[in-house]
Amino acid sequence: MSNKKIEYSPASSTYLKKLKEKPLKKLFLSAIEEILVDPYKAGELKTGDLSGIYGYDVRYKGANYEIAYAIRENEDGELVIIILVGSRENFYPLLKKYLKSSDILKR
């Protein structure tokens, strides 16, 4: 068993709770499991004003969805923080706005 822990931001937690479409929810949760296996390789590391953030693509019924996460090392091992989950449309502007207004990565 690895020492990886997962933490959800309030925004990602709310999104997943409110998600009515069960197959899509299942897809997100299995994607998060895959991220936990090897967070450094699962997603794509962003650059520029999103450096340090990883993006993971999820495709469902021809639509693109995204999971944004960060990895923090702590004394217990790795902590994977799921920052934002949602449809690809307007995802990155929303992510930037959320990061500015949230202290999720400042712990």
N, C-alpha and C. Protein backbone atom coordinates (compact mmCIF):
# COMPACT_ATOMS: atom_id res chain seq x y z
N MET A 1 0.84 -1.20 0.00
CA MET A 1 0.00 0.00 0.00
C MET A 1 0.88 1.25 0.00
N SER A 2 0.53 2.20 -0.83
CA SER A 2 1.36 3.41 -0.92
C SER A 2 0.99 4.41 0.17
N ASN A 3 1.83 5.40 0.31
CA ASN A 3 1.58 6.44 1.30
C ASN A 3 0.88 7.64 0.69
N LYS A 4 0.21 7.44 -0.42
CA LYS A 4 -0.47 8.55 -1.08
C LYS A 4 -1.82 8.79 -0.43
N LYS A 5 -2.07 10.04 -0.17
CA LYS A 5 -3.37 10.45 0.37
C LYS A 5 -4.02 11.36 -0.65
N ILE A 6 -5.32 11.47 -0.56
CA ILE A 6 -6.03 12.33 -1.49
C ILE A 6 -6.87 13.33 -0.71
N GLU A 7 -6.95 14.52 -1.25
CA GLU A 7 -7.75 15.57 -0.64
C GLU A 7 -8.52 16.26 -1.77
N TYR A 8 -9.78 16.54 -1.52
CA TYR A 8 -10.61 17.20 -2.52
C TYR A 8 -10.83 18.65 -2.10
N SER A 9 -10.73 19.57 -3.05
CA SER A 9 -11.08 20.95 -2.76
C SER A 9 -12.60 21.00 -2.59
N PRO A 10 -13.11 22.02 -1.92
CA PRO A 10 -14.57 22.13 -1.80
C PRO A 10 -15.26 22.14 -3.17
N ALA A 11 -14.64 22.79 -4.16
CA ALA A 11 -15.24 22.87 -5.50
C ALA A 11 -15.32 21.50 -6.17
N SER A 12 -14.24 20.71 -6.08
CA SER A 12 -14.27 19.39 -6.73
C SER A 12 -15.19 18.44 -5.98
N SER A 13 -15.21 18.54 -4.68
CA SER A 13 -16.08 17.70 -3.86
C SER A 13 -17.55 17.97 -4.19
N THR A 14 -17.91 19.24 -4.28
CA THR A 14 -19.29 19.62 -4.59
C THR A 14 -19.67 19.16 -5.99
N TYR A 15 -18.77 19.34 -6.95
CA TYR A 15 -19.05 18.92 -8.32
C TYR A 15 -19.35 17.43 -8.39
N LEU A 16 -18.51 16.63 -7.75
CA LEU A 16 -18.69 15.18 -7.79
C LEU A 16 -19.96 14.74 -7.06
N LYS A 17 -20.29 15.43 -5.95
CA LYS A 17 -21.50 15.08 -5.20
C LYS A 17 -22.75 15.37 -6.02
N LYS A 18 -22.73 16.49 -6.76
CA LYS A 18 -23.91 16.91 -7.51
C LYS A 18 -24.05 16.21 -8.86
N LEU A 19 -23.01 15.51 -9.28
CA LEU A 19 -23.02 14.85 -10.58
C LEU A 19 -24.08 13.75 -10.61
N LYS A 20 -25.09 13.92 -11.45
CA LYS A 20 -26.21 12.97 -11.51
C LYS A 20 -25.91 11.78 -12.41
N GLU A 21 -25.10 11.99 -13.43
CA GLU A 21 -24.83 10.94 -14.40
C GLU A 21 -23.83 9.93 -13.83
N LYS A 22 -24.37 8.79 -13.42
CA LYS A 22 -23.55 7.79 -12.72
C LYS A 22 -22.35 7.27 -13.53
N PRO A 23 -22.51 6.96 -14.83
CA PRO A 23 -21.35 6.47 -15.58
C PRO A 23 -20.21 7.50 -15.64
N LEU A 24 -20.57 8.77 -15.74
CA LEU A 24 -19.55 9.83 -15.77
C LEU A 24 -18.87 9.95 -14.42
N LYS A 25 -19.65 9.87 -13.36
CA LYS A 25 -19.10 9.92 -12.01
C LYS A 25 -18.12 8.77 -11.79
N LYS A 26 -18.51 7.58 -12.25
CA LYS A 26 -17.68 6.39 -12.13
C LYS A 26 -16.36 6.58 -12.90
N LEU A 27 -16.48 7.21 -14.08
CA LEU A 27 -15.31 7.48 -14.90
C LEU A 27 -14.35 8.43 -14.18
N PHE A 28 -14.90 9.48 -13.57
CA PHE A 28 -14.08 10.42 -12.80
C PHE A 28 -13.39 9.71 -11.64
N LEU A 29 -14.13 8.90 -10.91
CA LEU A 29 -13.55 8.23 -9.75
C LEU A 29 -12.47 7.23 -10.14
N SER A 30 -12.67 6.53 -11.27
CA SER A 30 -11.61 5.60 -11.70
C SER A 30 -10.41 6.38 -12.23
N ALA A 31 -10.63 7.54 -12.83
CA ALA A 31 -9.53 8.39 -13.27
C ALA A 31 -8.72 8.87 -12.06
N ILE A 32 -9.40 9.22 -10.99
CA ILE A 32 -8.73 9.67 -9.76
C ILE A 32 -7.92 8.52 -9.16
N GLU A 33 -8.47 7.31 -9.21
CA GLU A 33 -7.72 6.13 -8.76
C GLU A 33 -6.43 5.97 -9.57
N GLU A 34 -6.56 6.15 -10.89
CA GLU A 34 -5.40 6.03 -11.77
C GLU A 34 -4.35 7.11 -11.45
N ILE A 35 -4.83 8.32 -11.17
CA ILE A 35 -3.93 9.42 -10.79
C ILE A 35 -3.17 9.04 -9.52
N LEU A 36 -3.87 8.44 -8.56
CA LEU A 36 -3.24 8.07 -7.29
C LEU A 36 -2.13 7.03 -7.46
N VAL A 37 -2.27 6.17 -8.45
CA VAL A 37 -1.25 5.13 -8.68
C VAL A 37 0.10 5.78 -9.00
N ASP A 38 0.11 6.74 -9.92
CA ASP A 38 1.34 7.46 -10.25
C ASP A 38 0.99 8.89 -10.67
N PRO A 39 0.81 9.77 -9.69
CA PRO A 39 0.35 11.12 -10.00
C PRO A 39 1.28 11.91 -10.92
N TYR A 40 2.57 11.59 -10.89
CA TYR A 40 3.51 12.33 -11.72
C TYR A 40 3.40 11.95 -13.20
N LYS A 41 2.92 10.74 -13.47
CA LYS A 41 2.84 10.29 -14.87
C LYS A 41 1.42 10.30 -15.42
N ALA A 42 0.43 10.26 -14.56
CA ALA A 42 -0.96 10.15 -15.02
C ALA A 42 -1.41 11.39 -15.80
N GLY A 43 -1.13 12.54 -15.25
CA GLY A 43 -1.60 13.78 -15.88
C GLY A 43 -0.47 14.50 -16.58
N GLU A 44 -0.85 15.61 -17.19
CA GLU A 44 0.11 16.44 -17.91
C GLU A 44 0.41 17.68 -17.07
N LEU A 45 1.70 17.90 -16.82
CA LEU A 45 2.10 19.06 -16.02
C LEU A 45 1.91 20.33 -16.82
N LYS A 46 1.20 21.29 -16.24
CA LYS A 46 0.93 22.55 -16.91
C LYS A 46 2.11 23.50 -16.73
N THR A 47 2.15 24.51 -17.58
CA THR A 47 3.23 25.50 -17.52
C THR A 47 2.62 26.90 -17.38
N GLY A 48 3.45 27.90 -17.34
CA GLY A 48 2.98 29.28 -17.25
C GLY A 48 2.33 29.55 -15.91
N ASP A 49 1.20 30.26 -15.95
CA ASP A 49 0.54 30.62 -14.68
C ASP A 49 -0.15 29.44 -14.01
N LEU A 50 -0.11 28.29 -14.64
CA LEU A 50 -0.64 27.07 -14.01
C LEU A 50 0.47 26.08 -13.70
N SER A 51 1.71 26.54 -13.65
CA SER A 51 2.80 25.60 -13.39
C SER A 51 2.63 24.98 -12.00
N GLY A 52 2.94 23.71 -11.92
CA GLY A 52 2.74 22.97 -10.67
C GLY A 52 1.40 22.27 -10.61
N ILE A 53 0.54 22.55 -11.58
CA ILE A 53 -0.79 21.92 -11.65
C ILE A 53 -0.75 20.87 -12.75
N TYR A 54 -1.37 19.73 -12.49
CA TYR A 54 -1.47 18.68 -13.49
C TYR A 54 -2.89 18.64 -14.03
N GLY A 55 -3.01 18.33 -15.32
CA GLY A 55 -4.33 18.18 -15.93
C GLY A 55 -4.48 16.74 -16.41
N TYR A 56 -5.64 16.18 -16.19
CA TYR A 56 -5.93 14.82 -16.62
C TYR A 56 -7.22 14.85 -17.44
N ASP A 57 -7.15 14.34 -18.66
CA ASP A 57 -8.31 14.36 -19.55
C ASP A 57 -9.21 13.15 -19.34
N VAL A 58 -10.50 13.42 -19.34
CA VAL A 58 -11.50 12.36 -19.26
C VAL A 58 -12.45 12.57 -20.44
N ARG A 59 -12.70 11.51 -21.21
CA ARG A 59 -13.63 11.62 -22.33
C ARG A 59 -14.87 10.78 -22.03
N TYR A 60 -16.02 11.40 -22.30
CA TYR A 60 -17.28 10.71 -22.02
C TYR A 60 -18.33 11.15 -23.05
N LYS A 61 -18.87 10.19 -23.78
CA LYS A 61 -19.91 10.46 -24.79
C LYS A 61 -19.51 11.60 -25.73
N GLY A 62 -18.27 11.58 -26.18
CA GLY A 62 -17.81 12.57 -27.14
C GLY A 62 -17.47 13.93 -26.54
N ALA A 63 -17.65 14.08 -25.24
CA ALA A 63 -17.33 15.36 -24.59
C ALA A 63 -16.03 15.22 -23.80
N ASN A 64 -15.33 16.32 -23.66
CA ASN A 64 -14.08 16.33 -22.90
C ASN A 64 -14.32 16.90 -21.51
N TYR A 65 -13.74 16.23 -20.53
CA TYR A 65 -13.78 16.68 -19.15
C TYR A 65 -12.36 16.74 -18.64
N GLU A 66 -12.16 17.41 -17.54
CA GLU A 66 -10.80 17.62 -17.05
C GLU A 66 -10.77 17.47 -15.53
N ILE A 67 -9.64 16.97 -15.05
CA ILE A 67 -9.38 16.94 -13.61
C ILE A 67 -8.08 17.70 -13.41
N ALA A 68 -8.11 18.71 -12.57
CA ALA A 68 -6.89 19.46 -12.25
C ALA A 68 -6.46 19.05 -10.84
N TYR A 69 -5.16 18.74 -10.71
CA TYR A 69 -4.68 18.32 -9.39
C TYR A 69 -3.26 18.79 -9.16
N ALA A 70 -2.86 18.76 -7.92
CA ALA A 70 -1.50 19.12 -7.53
C ALA A 70 -0.98 18.03 -6.61
N ILE A 71 0.34 17.94 -6.54
CA ILE A 71 0.97 16.94 -5.68
C ILE A 71 1.81 17.67 -4.65
N ARG A 72 1.62 17.32 -3.42
CA ARG A 72 2.42 17.91 -2.34
C ARG A 72 3.08 16.78 -1.57
N GLU A 73 4.34 16.95 -1.26
CA GLU A 73 5.04 15.96 -0.45
C GLU A 73 4.89 16.38 1.01
N ASN A 74 4.55 15.43 1.87
CA ASN A 74 4.53 15.74 3.30
C ASN A 74 5.25 14.62 4.04
N GLU A 75 5.34 14.73 5.33
CA GLU A 75 6.10 13.74 6.11
C GLU A 75 5.51 12.33 6.00
N ASP A 76 4.23 12.23 5.66
CA ASP A 76 3.59 10.92 5.53
C ASP A 76 3.69 10.35 4.12
N GLY A 77 4.24 11.11 3.20
CA GLY A 77 4.30 10.65 1.80
C GLY A 77 3.74 11.71 0.88
N GLU A 78 3.04 11.28 -0.14
CA GLU A 78 2.48 12.21 -1.11
C GLU A 78 1.03 12.50 -0.81
N LEU A 79 0.66 13.74 -1.02
CA LEU A 79 -0.73 14.17 -0.91
C LEU A 79 -1.14 14.65 -2.30
N VAL A 80 -2.17 14.05 -2.86
CA VAL A 80 -2.70 14.48 -4.14
C VAL A 80 -3.93 15.31 -3.85
N ILE A 81 -3.92 16.54 -4.34
CA ILE A 81 -5.04 17.45 -4.11
C ILE A 81 -5.83 17.60 -5.40
N ILE A 82 -7.07 17.16 -5.39
CA ILE A 82 -7.94 17.33 -6.55
C ILE A 82 -8.52 18.74 -6.43
N ILE A 83 -8.10 19.62 -7.33
CA ILE A 83 -8.46 21.03 -7.23
C ILE A 83 -9.80 21.31 -7.90
N LEU A 84 -9.95 20.84 -9.12
CA LEU A 84 -11.16 21.14 -9.87
C LEU A 84 -11.47 19.99 -10.81
N VAL A 85 -12.74 19.70 -10.96
CA VAL A 85 -13.22 18.65 -11.85
C VAL A 85 -14.36 19.26 -12.65
N GLY A 86 -14.40 19.00 -13.94
CA GLY A 86 -15.52 19.54 -14.70
C GLY A 86 -15.36 19.38 -16.18
N SER A 87 -16.32 19.95 -16.90
CA SER A 87 -16.29 19.87 -18.36
C SER A 87 -15.17 20.78 -18.86
N ARG A 88 -14.62 20.43 -20.00
CA ARG A 88 -13.47 21.14 -20.56
C ARG A 88 -13.80 22.58 -20.93
N GLU A 89 -15.07 22.83 -21.20
CA GLU A 89 -15.50 24.17 -21.60
C GLU A 89 -15.25 25.17 -20.46
N ASN A 90 -14.48 26.20 -20.74
CA ASN A 90 -14.14 27.24 -19.75
C ASN A 90 -13.40 26.70 -18.53
N PHE A 91 -12.85 25.50 -18.62
CA PHE A 91 -12.23 24.87 -17.45
C PHE A 91 -11.03 25.67 -16.94
N TYR A 92 -10.14 26.04 -17.84
CA TYR A 92 -8.91 26.70 -17.38
C TYR A 92 -9.13 28.12 -16.86
N PRO A 93 -9.99 28.93 -17.48
CA PRO A 93 -10.29 30.22 -16.84
C PRO A 93 -10.91 30.04 -15.45
N LEU A 94 -11.80 29.05 -15.31
CA LEU A 94 -12.40 28.77 -14.00
C LEU A 94 -11.34 28.31 -13.00
N LEU A 95 -10.42 27.48 -13.46
CA LEU A 95 -9.36 26.98 -12.59
C LEU A 95 -8.49 28.13 -12.09
N LYS A 96 -8.10 29.02 -12.98
CA LYS A 96 -7.26 30.17 -12.59
C LYS A 96 -7.99 31.04 -11.57
N LYS A 97 -9.28 31.27 -11.83
CA LYS A 97 -10.08 32.08 -10.91
C LYS A 97 -10.19 31.40 -9.55
N TYR A 98 -10.41 30.09 -9.56
CA TYR A 98 -10.54 29.34 -8.31
C TYR A 98 -9.22 29.36 -7.52
N LEU A 99 -8.11 29.20 -8.22
CA LEU A 99 -6.81 29.20 -7.54
C LEU A 99 -6.53 30.54 -6.88
N LYS A 100 -6.96 31.63 -7.53
CA LYS A 100 -6.75 32.97 -6.95
C LYS A 100 -7.58 33.18 -5.69
N SER A 101 -8.80 32.62 -5.69
CA SER A 101 -9.71 32.87 -4.58
C SER A 101 -9.60 31.83 -3.46
N SER A 102 -8.83 30.77 -3.69
CA SER A 102 -8.78 29.67 -2.73
C SER A 102 -7.37 29.55 -2.13
N ASP A 103 -7.31 29.00 -0.95
CA ASP A 103 -5.98 28.75 -0.35
C ASP A 103 -5.67 27.25 -0.34
N ILE A 104 -6.32 26.49 -1.23
CA ILE A 104 -6.17 25.03 -1.26
C ILE A 104 -4.72 24.60 -1.40
N LEU A 105 -3.89 25.38 -2.09
CA LEU A 105 -2.49 24.96 -2.29
C LEU A 105 -1.53 25.66 -1.34
N LYS A 106 -2.04 26.46 -0.45
CA LYS A 106 -1.15 27.23 0.43
C LYS A 106 -0.92 26.55 1.77
N ARG A 107 -1.33 25.30 1.89
CA ARG A 107 -1.18 24.61 3.19
C ARG A 107 0.19 24.02 3.33
